[in-house]
Amino acid sequence: MPFIAKKGSVAVSGVSLTVNEADNSGVEVNIIPHTAEETTLGDLQAGDRVNIEVDLLARYAQRLLGFAGANGSIDEDFLRQHGFAASSDRGAA
């Protein structure tokens, strides 16, 4: 659940859906009739097992937070040291 955000995306059994609501107890998505007819989602019943894939950016953000600096923060220097930001020559003329 920490990787799912309201208005973000989640894939349910391979079908990418927009998240309408999300909290610690669950997630709410809408499945339009066309999607229900053209995928296996329309055949699902409460309690059926599905595969859930979260947004790729959420996974990258979580990984990056795992490498946070000694003070637990991510700043420009931290990003540069770990290859997420380019070095700059601010003082160059």
Protein backbone atom coordinates (compact mmCIF):
# COMPACT_ATOMS: atom_id res chain seq x y z
CA MET A 1 0.00 0.00 0.00
CA PRO A 2 2.79 2.55 0.54
CA PHE A 3 3.54 2.40 -3.19
CA ILE A 4 -0.01 3.18 -4.33
CA ALA A 5 -1.21 6.78 -4.55
CA LYS A 6 -4.55 8.34 -5.37
CA LYS A 7 -4.68 9.22 -9.09
CA GLY A 8 -1.58 7.11 -9.63
CA SER A 9 -1.55 3.86 -11.53
CA VAL A 10 -1.60 0.21 -10.57
CA ALA A 11 -1.63 -2.89 -12.75
CA VAL A 12 -4.07 -5.61 -11.73
CA SER A 13 -3.32 -8.92 -13.44
CA GLY A 14 -1.53 -7.04 -16.21
CA VAL A 15 -4.21 -4.39 -16.76
CA SER A 16 -3.10 -0.83 -15.99
CA LEU A 17 -5.72 1.11 -14.04
CA THR A 18 -5.98 4.57 -12.51
CA VAL A 19 -6.33 4.64 -8.73
CA ASN A 20 -9.41 6.56 -7.56
CA GLU A 21 -8.82 6.20 -3.82
CA ALA A 22 -6.09 4.64 -1.69
CA ASP A 23 -5.49 4.30 2.02
CA ASN A 24 -3.79 1.82 4.33
CA SER A 25 -6.65 -0.67 4.03
CA GLY A 26 -7.11 -0.86 0.28
CA VAL A 27 -7.34 0.70 -3.14
CA GLU A 28 -10.30 1.68 -5.32
CA VAL A 29 -10.26 1.58 -9.11
CA ASN A 30 -12.99 1.84 -11.73
CA ILE A 31 -13.21 -0.73 -14.49
CA ILE A 32 -15.14 0.48 -17.53
CA PRO A 33 -17.34 -2.01 -19.40
CA HIS A 34 -14.92 -2.30 -22.34
CA THR A 35 -12.04 -3.21 -20.00
CA ALA A 36 -14.21 -5.76 -18.17
CA GLU A 37 -15.21 -7.37 -21.47
CA GLU A 38 -11.77 -7.42 -23.10
CA THR A 39 -9.77 -8.63 -20.09
CA THR A 40 -10.18 -11.24 -17.38
CA LEU A 41 -11.04 -8.55 -14.82
CA GLY A 42 -14.76 -8.88 -15.54
CA ASP A 43 -14.65 -12.52 -14.42
CA LEU A 44 -13.13 -11.78 -11.00
CA GLN A 45 -15.04 -12.43 -7.80
CA ALA A 46 -14.40 -11.04 -4.32
CA GLY A 47 -11.49 -12.95 -2.81
CA ASP A 48 -9.94 -14.00 -6.13
CA ARG A 49 -6.16 -13.77 -6.22
CA VAL A 50 -4.65 -11.24 -8.61
CA ASN A 51 -1.17 -9.98 -9.41
CA ILE A 52 -0.58 -6.35 -8.38
CA GLU A 53 2.20 -4.24 -9.87
CA VAL A 54 2.85 -0.77 -8.51
CA ASP A 55 4.10 2.25 -10.38
CA LEU A 56 7.74 1.95 -11.42
CA LEU A 57 8.56 5.44 -10.13
CA ALA A 58 7.30 4.49 -6.68
CA ARG A 59 9.71 1.55 -6.62
CA TYR A 60 12.62 3.77 -7.69
CA ALA A 61 11.72 6.34 -5.05
CA GLN A 62 11.64 3.67 -2.35
CA ARG A 63 15.02 2.33 -3.44
CA LEU A 64 16.48 5.82 -3.47
CA LEU A 65 15.17 6.48 0.04
CA GLY A 66 16.96 3.35 1.18
CA PHE A 67 20.21 5.06 0.23
CA ALA A 68 19.42 8.35 2.01
CA GLY A 69 22.36 10.18 3.53
CA ALA A 70 23.49 9.98 7.12
CA ASN A 71 20.91 12.56 8.18
CA GLY A 72 18.17 10.62 6.35
CA SER A 73 17.57 13.37 3.83
CA ILE A 74 17.94 13.49 0.09
CA ASP A 75 19.42 16.72 -1.18
CA GLU A 76 21.14 17.83 -4.38
CA ASP A 77 24.57 16.65 -3.18
CA PHE A 78 23.21 13.21 -2.30
CA LEU A 79 21.56 12.89 -5.73
CA ARG A 80 24.77 13.94 -7.47
CA GLN A 81 26.90 11.48 -5.46
CA HIS A 82 24.63 8.59 -6.42
CA GLY A 83 24.36 9.44 -10.11
CA PHE A 84 20.82 10.84 -10.07
CA ALA A 85 21.87 14.42 -10.89
CA ALA A 86 24.59 15.85 -13.11
CA SER A 87 27.51 17.73 -11.63
CA SER A 88 27.51 21.45 -12.30
CA ASP A 89 30.15 24.16 -12.35
CA ARG A 90 28.24 26.89 -10.55
CA GLY A 91 31.25 29.07 -9.93
CA ALA A 92 32.70 28.88 -13.43
CA ALA A 93 32.84 32.06 -15.50
